[in-house]
Amino acid sequence: MAAPVVPGPFLTYVFPVLVNAIGCGGLFYYVDRDIQKLRSHQREFHDDFQKTMHEMHENLRDTHNDIEGIGKQVEQMKRETQQIMRHVEQMTRQVEQMTRQVNYM
């Protein structure tokens, strides 16, 4: 009859530690790979966010300039309207004066 096989210190202590370390190493590889992917996505998101914010800032500035331009046009139209109103008042006075002259005849 053969003697029972008794595992030596390598199989009892060293081998399980090596297997565990290799398993953890593989796990760390996958975790590190996922972290790198997340960082890459974060950079892409940050770049896209910065680009979008820059575009929004430009659009806001353009809109502000457009509003200022419209404001200037409105002021010009107000001045022109006031000028027309003064001319209408002057013409009205002339018509009233001519009407009085005709009534005297």
PDB file of N, CA and C in Angstrom:
ATOM      1  N   MET A   1       0.826  -1.152   0.000  1.00  0.00           N
ATOM      2  CA  MET A   1       0.000   0.000   0.000  1.00  0.00           C
ATOM      3  C   MET A   1       0.880   1.228   0.000  1.00  0.00           C
ATOM      4  N   ALA A   2       0.425   2.222  -0.739  1.00  0.00           N
ATOM      5  CA  ALA A   2       1.233   3.418  -0.875  1.00  0.00           C
ATOM      6  C   ALA A   2       0.985   4.339   0.301  1.00  0.00           C
ATOM      7  N   ALA A   3       1.999   5.095   0.555  1.00  0.00           N
ATOM      8  CA  ALA A   3       1.900   6.047   1.672  1.00  0.00           C
ATOM      9  C   ALA A   3       1.018   7.224   1.249  1.00  0.00           C
ATOM     10  N   PRO A   4       0.256   7.761   2.187  1.00  0.00           N
ATOM     11  CA  PRO A   4      -0.590   8.917   1.818  1.00  0.00           C
ATOM     12  C   PRO A   4       0.272  10.100   1.388  1.00  0.00           C
ATOM     13  N   VAL A   5      -0.275  10.871   0.428  1.00  0.00           N
ATOM     14  CA  VAL A   5       0.453  12.034  -0.081  1.00  0.00           C
ATOM     15  C   VAL A   5       0.151  13.212   0.830  1.00  0.00           C
ATOM     16  N   VAL A   6       1.195  13.728   1.376  1.00  0.00           N
ATOM     17  CA  VAL A   6       1.045  14.890   2.249  1.00  0.00           C
ATOM     18  C   VAL A   6       1.638  16.084   1.503  1.00  0.00           C
ATOM     19  N   PRO A   7       0.849  17.142   1.308  1.00  0.00           N
ATOM     20  CA  PRO A   7       1.386  18.288   0.577  1.00  0.00           C
ATOM     21  C   PRO A   7       2.527  18.933   1.351  1.00  0.00           C
ATOM     22  N   GLY A   8       3.517  19.342   0.591  1.00  0.00           N
ATOM     23  CA  GLY A   8       4.658  19.996   1.198  1.00  0.00           C
ATOM     24  C   GLY A   8       4.368  21.476   1.444  1.00  0.00           C
ATOM     25  N   PRO A   9       5.350  22.172   1.997  1.00  0.00           N
ATOM     26  CA  PRO A   9       5.138  23.580   2.308  1.00  0.00           C
ATOM     27  C   PRO A   9       4.846  24.439   1.062  1.00  0.00           C
ATOM     28  N   PHE A  10       5.376  24.027  -0.101  1.00  0.00           N
ATOM     29  CA  PHE A  10       5.119  24.806  -1.313  1.00  0.00           C
ATOM     30  C   PHE A  10       3.633  24.780  -1.652  1.00  0.00           C
ATOM     31  N   LEU A  11       3.061  23.585  -1.685  1.00  0.00           N
ATOM     32  CA  LEU A  11       1.643  23.468  -2.018  1.00  0.00           C
ATOM     33  C   LEU A  11       0.760  24.036  -0.914  1.00  0.00           C
ATOM     34  N   THR A  12       1.209  23.981   0.312  1.00  0.00           N
ATOM     35  CA  THR A  12       0.386  24.431   1.425  1.00  0.00           C
ATOM     36  C   THR A  12       0.400  25.944   1.575  1.00  0.00           C
ATOM     37  N   TYR A  13       1.587  26.552   1.428  1.00  0.00           N
ATOM     38  CA  TYR A  13       1.693  27.988   1.738  1.00  0.00           C
ATOM     39  C   TYR A  13       1.975  28.862   0.507  1.00  0.00           C
ATOM     40  N   VAL A  14       2.925  28.464  -0.292  1.00  0.00           N
ATOM     41  CA  VAL A  14       3.379  29.336  -1.385  1.00  0.00           C
ATOM     42  C   VAL A  14       2.407  29.303  -2.561  1.00  0.00           C
ATOM     43  N   PHE A  15       1.978  28.137  -2.970  1.00  0.00           N
ATOM     44  CA  PHE A  15       1.121  28.012  -4.145  1.00  0.00           C
ATOM     45  C   PHE A  15      -0.185  28.821  -4.006  1.00  0.00           C
ATOM     46  N   PRO A  16      -0.923  28.723  -2.899  1.00  0.00           N
ATOM     47  CA  PRO A  16      -2.150  29.521  -2.787  1.00  0.00           C
ATOM     48  C   PRO A  16      -1.882  31.033  -2.846  1.00  0.00           C
ATOM     49  N   VAL A  17      -0.758  31.459  -2.274  1.00  0.00           N
ATOM     50  CA  VAL A  17      -0.426  32.885  -2.316  1.00  0.00           C
ATOM     51  C   VAL A  17      -0.143  33.311  -3.751  1.00  0.00           C
ATOM     52  N   LEU A  18       0.591  32.493  -4.513  1.00  0.00           N
ATOM     53  CA  LEU A  18       0.876  32.811  -5.913  1.00  0.00           C
ATOM     54  C   LEU A  18      -0.404  32.861  -6.754  1.00  0.00           C
ATOM     55  N   VAL A  19      -1.274  31.881  -6.560  1.00  0.00           N
ATOM     56  CA  VAL A  19      -2.528  31.851  -7.307  1.00  0.00           C
ATOM     57  C   VAL A  19      -3.353  33.102  -6.974  1.00  0.00           C
ATOM     58  N   ASN A  20      -3.406  33.434  -5.707  1.00  0.00           N
ATOM     59  CA  ASN A  20      -4.155  34.608  -5.279  1.00  0.00           C
ATOM     60  C   ASN A  20      -3.547  35.876  -5.871  1.00  0.00           C
ATOM     61  N   ALA A  21      -2.228  35.983  -5.871  1.00  0.00           N
ATOM     62  CA  ALA A  21      -1.555  37.168  -6.409  1.00  0.00           C
ATOM     63  C   ALA A  21      -1.790  37.289  -7.910  1.00  0.00           C
ATOM     64  N   ILE A  22      -1.713  36.166  -8.624  1.00  0.00           N
ATOM     65  CA  ILE A  22      -1.946  36.197 -10.064  1.00  0.00           C
ATOM     66  C   ILE A  22      -3.395  36.593 -10.338  1.00  0.00           C
ATOM     67  N   GLY A  23      -4.326  36.048  -9.579  1.00  0.00           N
ATOM     68  CA  GLY A  23      -5.730  36.403  -9.730  1.00  0.00           C
ATOM     69  C   GLY A  23      -5.953  37.881  -9.454  1.00  0.00           C
ATOM     70  N   CYS A  24      -5.347  38.403  -8.406  1.00  0.00           N
ATOM     71  CA  CYS A  24      -5.478  39.827  -8.091  1.00  0.00           C
ATOM     72  C   CYS A  24      -4.815  40.673  -9.163  1.00  0.00           C
ATOM     73  N   GLY A  25      -3.689  40.177  -9.681  1.00  0.00           N
ATOM     74  CA  GLY A  25      -3.018  40.915 -10.749  1.00  0.00           C
ATOM     75  C   GLY A  25      -3.920  41.051 -11.958  1.00  0.00           C
ATOM     76  N   GLY A  26      -4.593  39.979 -12.318  1.00  0.00           N
ATOM     77  CA  GLY A  26      -5.542  40.035 -13.429  1.00  0.00           C
ATOM     78  C   GLY A  26      -6.694  40.974 -13.124  1.00  0.00           C
ATOM     79  N   LEU A  27      -7.166  40.919 -11.897  1.00  0.00           N
ATOM     80  CA  LEU A  27      -8.241  41.808 -11.487  1.00  0.00           C
ATOM     81  C   LEU A  27      -7.775  43.259 -11.565  1.00  0.00           C
ATOM     82  N   PHE A  28      -6.578  43.515 -11.072  1.00  0.00           N
ATOM     83  CA  PHE A  28      -6.036  44.873 -11.126  1.00  0.00           C
ATOM     84  C   PHE A  28      -5.879  45.346 -12.569  1.00  0.00           C
ATOM     85  N   TYR A  29      -5.527  44.425 -13.470  1.00  0.00           N
ATOM     86  CA  TYR A  29      -5.395  44.784 -14.882  1.00  0.00           C
ATOM     87  C   TYR A  29      -6.736  45.293 -15.412  1.00  0.00           C
ATOM     88  N   TYR A  30      -7.797  44.525 -15.139  1.00  0.00           N
ATOM     89  CA  TYR A  30      -9.109  44.922 -15.642  1.00  0.00           C
ATOM     90  C   TYR A  30      -9.611  46.200 -14.980  1.00  0.00           C
ATOM     91  N   VAL A  31      -9.379  46.341 -13.698  1.00  0.00           N
ATOM     92  CA  VAL A  31      -9.783  47.565 -12.991  1.00  0.00           C
ATOM     93  C   VAL A  31      -9.015  48.759 -13.554  1.00  0.00           C
ATOM     94  N   ASP A  32      -7.696  48.600 -13.748  1.00  0.00           N
ATOM     95  CA  ASP A  32      -6.883  49.690 -14.287  1.00  0.00           C
ATOM     96  C   ASP A  32      -7.342  50.040 -15.704  1.00  0.00           C
ATOM     97  N   ARG A  33      -7.666  49.034 -16.507  1.00  0.00           N
ATOM     98  CA  ARG A  33      -8.141  49.281 -17.863  1.00  0.00           C
ATOM     99  C   ARG A  33      -9.449  50.073 -17.831  1.00  0.00           C
ATOM    100  N   ASP A  34     -10.354  49.690 -16.937  1.00  0.00           N
ATOM    101  CA  ASP A  34     -11.628  50.418 -16.822  1.00  0.00           C
ATOM    102  C   ASP A  34     -11.409  51.845 -16.336  1.00  0.00           C
ATOM    103  N   ILE A  35     -10.471  52.029 -15.430  1.00  0.00           N
ATOM    104  CA  ILE A  35     -10.151  53.379 -14.945  1.00  0.00           C
ATOM    105  C   ILE A  35      -9.610  54.224 -16.089  1.00  0.00           C
ATOM    106  N   GLN A  36      -8.738  53.643 -16.925  1.00  0.00           N
ATOM    107  CA  GLN A  36      -8.193  54.373 -18.073  1.00  0.00           C
ATOM    108  C   GLN A  36      -9.313  54.751 -19.052  1.00  0.00           C
ATOM    109  N   LYS A  37     -10.264  53.832 -19.261  1.00  0.00           N
ATOM    110  CA  LYS A  37     -11.399  54.136 -20.139  1.00  0.00           C
ATOM    111  C   LYS A  37     -12.216  55.287 -19.557  1.00  0.00           C
ATOM    112  N   LEU A  38     -12.464  55.235 -18.257  1.00  0.00           N
ATOM    113  CA  LEU A  38     -13.233  56.303 -17.615  1.00  0.00           C
ATOM    114  C   LEU A  38     -12.512  57.642 -17.729  1.00  0.00           C
ATOM    115  N   ARG A  39     -11.202  57.623 -17.536  1.00  0.00           N
ATOM    116  CA  ARG A  39     -10.439  58.867 -17.669  1.00  0.00           C
ATOM    117  C   ARG A  39     -10.506  59.394 -19.098  1.00  0.00           C
ATOM    118  N   SER A  40     -10.442  58.500 -20.062  1.00  0.00           N
ATOM    119  CA  SER A  40     -10.537  58.910 -21.464  1.00  0.00           C
ATOM    120  C   SER A  40     -11.901  59.532 -21.732  1.00  0.00           C
ATOM    121  N   HIS A  41     -12.962  58.890 -21.234  1.00  0.00           N
ATOM    122  CA  HIS A  41     -14.311  59.446 -21.395  1.00  0.00           C
ATOM    123  C   HIS A  41     -14.440  60.785 -20.684  1.00  0.00           C
ATOM    124  N   GLN A  42     -13.812  60.888 -19.522  1.00  0.00           N
ATOM    125  CA  GLN A  42     -13.861  62.139 -18.780  1.00  0.00           C
ATOM    126  C   GLN A  42     -13.181  63.260 -19.569  1.00  0.00           C
ATOM    127  N   ARG A  43     -12.020  62.952 -20.164  1.00  0.00           N
ATOM    128  CA  ARG A  43     -11.326  63.956 -20.984  1.00  0.00           C
ATOM    129  C   ARG A  43     -12.180  64.367 -22.179  1.00  0.00           C
ATOM    130  N   GLU A  44     -12.773  63.371 -22.850  1.00  0.00           N
ATOM    131  CA  GLU A  44     -13.628  63.673 -23.993  1.00  0.00           C
ATOM    132  C   GLU A  44     -14.801  64.547 -23.566  1.00  0.00           C
ATOM    133  N   PHE A  45     -15.441  64.175 -22.458  1.00  0.00           N
ATOM    134  CA  PHE A  45     -16.570  64.962 -21.957  1.00  0.00           C
ATOM    135  C   PHE A  45     -16.122  66.378 -21.617  1.00  0.00           C
ATOM    136  N   HIS A  46     -14.967  66.496 -20.961  1.00  0.00           N
ATOM    137  CA  HIS A  46     -14.462  67.815 -20.582  1.00  0.00           C
ATOM    138  C   HIS A  46     -14.181  68.654 -21.830  1.00  0.00           C
ATOM    139  N   ASP A  47     -13.550  68.043 -22.832  1.00  0.00           N
ATOM    140  CA  ASP A  47     -13.266  68.765 -24.070  1.00  0.00           C
ATOM    141  C   ASP A  47     -14.553  69.200 -24.767  1.00  0.00           C
ATOM    142  N   ASP A  48     -15.528  68.278 -24.837  1.00  0.00           N
ATOM    143  CA  ASP A  48     -16.814  68.620 -25.450  1.00  0.00           C
ATOM    144  C   ASP A  48     -17.516  69.720 -24.664  1.00  0.00           C
ATOM    145  N   PHE A  49     -17.450  69.633 -23.344  1.00  0.00           N
ATOM    146  CA  PHE A  49     -18.082  70.640 -22.486  1.00  0.00           C
ATOM    147  C   PHE A  49     -17.432  72.002 -22.706  1.00  0.00           C
ATOM    148  N   GLN A  50     -16.097  72.025 -22.749  1.00  0.00           N
ATOM    149  CA  GLN A  50     -15.390  73.291 -22.975  1.00  0.00           C
ATOM    150  C   GLN A  50     -15.754  73.867 -24.338  1.00  0.00           C
ATOM    151  N   LYS A  51     -15.816  73.024 -25.366  1.00  0.00           N
ATOM    152  CA  LYS A  51     -16.165  73.478 -26.706  1.00  0.00           C
ATOM    153  C   LYS A  51     -17.586  74.044 -26.721  1.00  0.00           C
ATOM    154  N   THR A  52     -18.512  73.335 -26.085  1.00  0.00           N
ATOM    155  CA  THR A  52     -19.899  73.798 -26.028  1.00  0.00           C
ATOM    156  C   THR A  52     -20.008  75.120 -25.279  1.00  0.00           C
ATOM    157  N   MET A  53     -19.298  75.242 -24.161  1.00  0.00           N
ATOM    158  CA  MET A  53     -19.335  76.492 -23.399  1.00  0.00           C
ATOM    159  C   MET A  53     -18.757  77.644 -24.218  1.00  0.00           C
ATOM    160  N   HIS A  54     -17.690  77.374 -24.964  1.00  0.00           N
ATOM    161  CA  HIS A  54     -17.085  78.404 -25.816  1.00  0.00           C
ATOM    162  C   HIS A  54     -18.078  78.848 -26.894  1.00  0.00           C
ATOM    163  N   GLU A  55     -18.740  77.876 -27.526  1.00  0.00           N
ATOM    164  CA  GLU A  55     -19.727  78.201 -28.558  1.00  0.00           C
ATOM    165  C   GLU A  55     -20.882  78.995 -27.967  1.00  0.00           C
ATOM    166  N   MET A  56     -21.344  78.601 -26.780  1.00  0.00           N
ATOM    167  CA  MET A  56     -22.434  79.328 -26.135  1.00  0.00           C
ATOM    168  C   MET A  56     -22.010  80.755 -25.806  1.00  0.00           C
ATOM    169  N   HIS A  57     -20.769  80.914 -25.364  1.00  0.00           N
ATOM    170  CA  HIS A  57     -20.262  82.255 -25.050  1.00  0.00           C
ATOM    171  C   HIS A  57     -20.236  83.108 -26.315  1.00  0.00           C
ATOM    172  N   GLU A  58     -19.758  82.539 -27.416  1.00  0.00           N
ATOM    173  CA  GLU A  58     -19.733  83.278 -28.685  1.00  0.00           C
ATOM    174  C   GLU A  58     -21.148  83.650 -29.128  1.00  0.00           C
ATOM    175  N   ASN A  59     -22.077  82.694 -29.015  1.00  0.00           N
ATOM    176  CA  ASN A  59     -23.467  82.968 -29.408  1.00  0.00           C
ATOM    177  C   ASN A  59     -24.076  84.051 -28.528  1.00  0.00           C
ATOM    178  N   LEU A  60     -23.777  84.003 -27.245  1.00  0.00           N
ATOM    179  CA  LEU A  60     -24.294  85.022 -26.327  1.00  0.00           C
ATOM    180  C   LEU A  60     -23.731  86.391 -26.680  1.00  0.00           C
ATOM    181  N   ARG A  61     -22.437  86.438 -26.985  1.00  0.00           N
ATOM    182  CA  ARG A  61     -21.815  87.708 -27.375  1.00  0.00           C
ATOM    183  C   ARG A  61     -22.432  88.238 -28.674  1.00  0.00           C
ATOM    184  N   ASP A  62     -22.636  87.338 -29.649  1.00  0.00           N
ATOM    185  CA  ASP A  62     -23.262  87.748 -30.911  1.00  0.00           C
ATOM    186  C   ASP A  62     -24.680  88.263 -30.672  1.00  0.00           C
ATOM    187  N   THR A  63     -25.430  87.566 -29.818  1.00  0.00           N
ATOM    188  CA  THR A  63     -26.794  87.996 -29.500  1.00  0.00           C
ATOM    189  C   THR A  63     -26.774  89.360 -28.825  1.00  0.00           C
ATOM    190  N   HIS A  64     -25.833  89.546 -27.901  1.00  0.00           N
ATOM    191  CA  HIS A  64     -25.706  90.837 -27.221  1.00  0.00           C
ATOM    192  C   HIS A  64     -25.418  91.948 -28.233  1.00  0.00           C
ATOM    193  N   ASN A  65     -24.504  91.685 -29.154  1.00  0.00           N
ATOM    194  CA  ASN A  65     -24.188  92.669 -30.195  1.00  0.00           C
ATOM    195  C   ASN A  65     -25.401  92.950 -31.077  1.00  0.00           C
ATOM    196  N   ASP A  66     -26.161  91.884 -31.408  1.00  0.00           N
ATOM    197  CA  ASP A  66     -27.371  92.077 -32.212  1.00  0.00           C
ATOM    198  C   ASP A  66     -28.374  92.953 -31.475  1.00  0.00           C
ATOM    199  N   ILE A  67     -28.541  92.703 -30.180  1.00  0.00           N
ATOM    200  CA  ILE A  67     -29.482  93.491 -29.384  1.00  0.00           C
ATOM    201  C   ILE A  67     -29.032  94.942 -29.321  1.00  0.00           C
ATOM    202  N   GLU A  68     -27.732  95.168 -29.144  1.00  0.00           N
ATOM    203  CA  GLU A  68     -27.224  96.543 -29.137  1.00  0.00           C
ATOM    204  C   GLU A  68     -27.500  97.218 -30.483  1.00  0.00           C
ATOM    205  N   GLY A  69     -27.289  96.489 -31.578  1.00  0.00           N
ATOM    206  CA  GLY A  69     -27.555  97.032 -32.908  1.00  0.00           C
ATOM    207  C   GLY A  69     -29.024  97.381 -33.085  1.00  0.00           C
ATOM    208  N   ILE A  70     -29.903  96.503 -32.611  1.00  0.00           N
ATOM    209  CA  ILE A  70     -31.341  96.765 -32.697  1.00  0.00           C
ATOM    210  C   ILE A  70     -31.693  97.987 -31.845  1.00  0.00           C
ATOM    211  N   GLY A  71     -31.081  98.093 -30.664  1.00  0.00           N
ATOM    212  CA  GLY A  71     -31.316  99.257 -29.803  1.00  0.00           C
ATOM    213  C   GLY A  71     -30.920 100.553 -30.494  1.00  0.00           C
ATOM    214  N   LYS A  72     -29.795 100.531 -31.188  1.00  0.00           N
ATOM    215  CA  LYS A  72     -29.357 101.722 -31.923  1.00  0.00           C
ATOM    216  C   LYS A  72     -30.332 102.051 -33.050  1.00  0.00           C
ATOM    217  N   GLN A  73     -30.819 101.014 -33.732  1.00  0.00           N
ATOM    218  CA  GLN A  73     -31.800 101.239 -34.799  1.00  0.00           C
ATOM    219  C   GLN A  73     -33.086 101.831 -34.228  1.00  0.00           C
ATOM    220  N   VAL A  74     -33.515 101.340 -33.072  1.00  0.00           N
ATOM    221  CA  VAL A  74     -34.733 101.855 -32.443  1.00  0.00           C
ATOM    222  C   VAL A  74     -34.541 103.327 -32.075  1.00  0.00           C
ATOM    223  N   GLU A  75     -33.382 103.652 -31.513  1.00  0.00           N
ATOM    224  CA  GLU A  75     -33.105 105.058 -31.167  1.00  0.00           C
ATOM    225  C   GLU A  75     -33.125 105.932 -32.421  1.00  0.00           C
ATOM    226  N   GLN A  76     -32.536 105.446 -33.508  1.00  0.00           N
ATOM    227  CA  GLN A  76     -32.538 106.198 -34.774  1.00  0.00           C
ATOM    228  C   GLN A  76     -33.967 106.386 -35.274  1.00  0.00           C
ATOM    229  N   MET A  77     -34.775 105.333 -35.180  1.00  0.00           N
ATOM    230  CA  MET A  77     -36.166 105.430 -35.609  1.00  0.00           C
ATOM    231  C   MET A  77     -36.943 106.407 -34.728  1.00  0.00           C
ATOM    232  N   LYS A  78     -36.635 106.424 -33.425  1.00  0.00           N
ATOM    233  CA  LYS A  78     -37.298 107.384 -32.533  1.00  0.00           C
ATOM    234  C   LYS A  78     -36.965 108.814 -32.950  1.00  0.00           C
ATOM    235  N   ARG A  79     -35.688 109.049 -33.236  1.00  0.00           N
ATOM    236  CA  ARG A  79     -35.282 110.397 -33.670  1.00  0.00           C
ATOM    237  C   ARG A  79     -35.982 110.780 -34.974  1.00  0.00           C
ATOM    238  N   GLU A  80     -36.019 109.839 -35.914  1.00  0.00           N
ATOM    239  CA  GLU A  80     -36.680 110.115 -37.182  1.00  0.00           C
ATOM    240  C   GLU A  80     -38.168 110.370 -36.980  1.00  0.00           C
ATOM    241  N   THR A  81     -38.796 109.584 -36.096  1.00  0.00           N
ATOM    242  CA  THR A  81     -40.221 109.775 -35.813  1.00  0.00           C
ATOM    243  C   THR A  81     -40.461 111.145 -35.182  1.00  0.00           C
ATOM    244  N   GLN A  82     -39.596 111.533 -34.240  1.00  0.00           N
ATOM    245  CA  GLN A  82     -39.735 112.858 -33.629  1.00  0.00           C
ATOM    246  C   GLN A  82     -39.577 113.951 -34.681  1.00  0.00           C
ATOM    247  N   GLN A  83     -38.647 113.762 -35.582  1.00  0.00           N
ATOM    248  CA  GLN A  83     -38.432 114.729 -36.660  1.00  0.00           C
ATOM    249  C   GLN A  83     -39.678 114.815 -37.550  1.00  0.00           C
ATOM    250  N   ILE A  84     -40.261 113.671 -37.886  1.00  0.00           N
ATOM    251  CA  ILE A  84     -41.476 113.649 -38.700  1.00  0.00           C
ATOM    252  C   ILE A  84     -42.621 114.330 -37.949  1.00  0.00           C
ATOM    253  N   MET A  85     -42.734 114.047 -36.644  1.00  0.00           N
ATOM    254  CA  MET A  85     -43.805 114.657 -35.840  1.00  0.00           C
ATOM    255  C   MET A  85     -43.650 116.180 -35.810  1.00  0.00           C
ATOM    256  N   ARG A  86     -42.430 116.661 -35.657  1.00  0.00           N
ATOM    257  CA  ARG A  86     -42.201 118.115 -35.687  1.00  0.00           C
ATOM    258  C   ARG A  86     -42.603 118.697 -37.046  1.00  0.00           C
ATOM    259  N   HIS A  87     -42.261 117.971 -38.107  1.00  0.00           N
ATOM    260  CA  HIS A  87     -42.620 118.427 -39.452  1.00  0.00           C
ATOM    261  C   HIS A  87     -44.141 118.436 -39.616  1.00  0.00           C
ATOM    262  N   VAL A  88     -44.826 117.400 -39.108  1.00  0.00           N
ATOM    263  CA  VAL A  88     -46.292 117.330 -39.190  1.00  0.00           C
ATOM    264  C   VAL A  88     -46.902 118.486 -38.413  1.00  0.00           C
ATOM    265  N   GLU A  89     -46.374 118.763 -37.209  1.00  0.00           N
ATOM    266  CA  GLU A  89     -46.881 119.887 -36.420  1.00  0.00           C
ATOM    267  C   GLU A  89     -46.696 121.203 -37.172  1.00  0.00           C
ATOM    268  N   GLN A  90     -45.537 121.352 -37.796  1.00  0.00           N
ATOM    269  CA  GLN A  90     -45.266 122.572 -38.561  1.00  0.00           C
ATOM    270  C   GLN A  90     -46.248 122.691 -39.741  1.00  0.00           C
ATOM    271  N   MET A  91     -46.450 121.574 -40.443  1.00  0.00           N
ATOM    272  CA  MET A  91     -47.386 121.578 -41.570  1.00  0.00           C
ATOM    273  C   MET A  91     -48.807 121.864 -41.082  1.00  0.00           C
ATOM    274  N   THR A  92     -49.158 121.311 -39.919  1.00  0.00           N
ATOM    275  CA  THR A  92     -50.491 121.553 -39.365  1.00  0.00           C
ATOM    276  C   THR A  92     -50.678 123.036 -39.061  1.00  0.00           C
ATOM    277  N   ARG A  93     -49.683 123.666 -38.468  1.00  0.00           N
ATOM    278  CA  ARG A  93     -49.760 125.104 -38.187  1.00  0.00           C
ATOM    279  C   ARG A  93     -49.895 125.901 -39.481  1.00  0.00           C
ATOM    280  N   GLN A  94     -49.153 125.499 -40.514  1.00  0.00           N
ATOM    281  CA  GLN A  94     -49.245 126.204 -41.798  1.00  0.00           C
ATOM    282  C   GLN A  94     -50.640 126.063 -42.398  1.00  0.00           C
ATOM    283  N   VAL A  95     -51.203 124.835 -42.311  1.00  0.00           N
ATOM    284  CA  VAL A  95     -52.547 124.605 -42.846  1.00  0.00           C
ATOM    285  C   VAL A  95     -53.553 125.439 -42.063  1.00  0.00           C
ATOM    286  N   GLU A  96     -53.400 125.477 -40.732  1.00  0.00           N
ATOM    287  CA  GLU A  96     -54.311 126.286 -39.909  1.00  0.00           C
ATOM    288  C   GLU A  96     -54.201 127.758 -40.278  1.00  0.00           C
ATOM    289  N   GLN A  97     -52.975 128.207 -40.490  1.00  0.00           N
ATOM    290  CA  GLN A  97     -52.762 129.606 -40.870  1.00  0.00           C
ATOM    291  C   GLN A  97     -53.388 129.888 -42.240  1.00  0.00           C
ATOM    292  N   MET A  98     -53.210 128.974 -43.187  1.00  0.00           N
ATOM    293  CA  MET A  98     -53.781 129.171 -44.517  1.00  0.00           C
ATOM    294  C   MET A  98     -55.315 129.151 -44.449  1.00  0.00           C
ATOM    295  N   THR A  99     -55.847 128.271 -43.573  1.00  0.00           N
ATOM    296  CA  THR A  99     -57.297 128.213 -43.410  1.00  0.00           C
ATOM    297  C   THR A  99     -57.833 129.522 -42.864  1.00  0.00           C
ATOM    298  N   ARG A 100     -57.139 130.113 -41.890  1.00  0.00           N
ATOM    299  CA  ARG A 100     -57.565 131.404 -41.334  1.00  0.00           C
ATOM    300  C   ARG A 100     -57.510 132.491 -42.417  1.00  0.00           C
ATOM    301  N   GLN A 101     -56.460 132.446 -43.243  1.00  0.00           N
ATOM    302  CA  GLN A 101     -56.344 133.437 -44.316  1.00  0.00           C
ATOM    303  C   GLN A 101     -57.483 133.317 -45.312  1.00  0.00           C
ATOM    304  N   VAL A 102     -57.827 132.067 -45.646  1.00  0.00           N
ATOM    305  CA  VAL A 102     -58.930 131.832 -46.600  1.00  0.00           C
ATOM    306  C   VAL A 102     -60.231 132.305 -45.969  1.00  0.00           C
ATOM    307  N   ASN A 103     -60.433 132.096 -44.703  1.00  0.00           N
ATOM    308  CA  ASN A 103     -61.666 132.505 -44.026  1.00  0.00           C
ATOM    309  C   ASN A 103     -61.786 134.019 -43.989  1.00  0.00           C
ATOM    310  N   TYR A 104     -60.699 134.769 -43.964  1.00  0.00           N
ATOM    311  CA  TYR A 104     -60.732 136.226 -43.953  1.00  0.00           C
ATOM    312  C   TYR A 104     -61.120 136.767 -45.304  1.00  0.00           C
ATOM    313  N   MET A 105     -60.928 136.038 -46.345  1.00  0.00           N
ATOM    314  CA  MET A 105     -61.214 136.551 -47.705  1.00  0.00           C
ATOM    315  C   MET A 105     -62.651 136.587 -47.981  1.00  0.00           C
TER     316      MET A 105
END
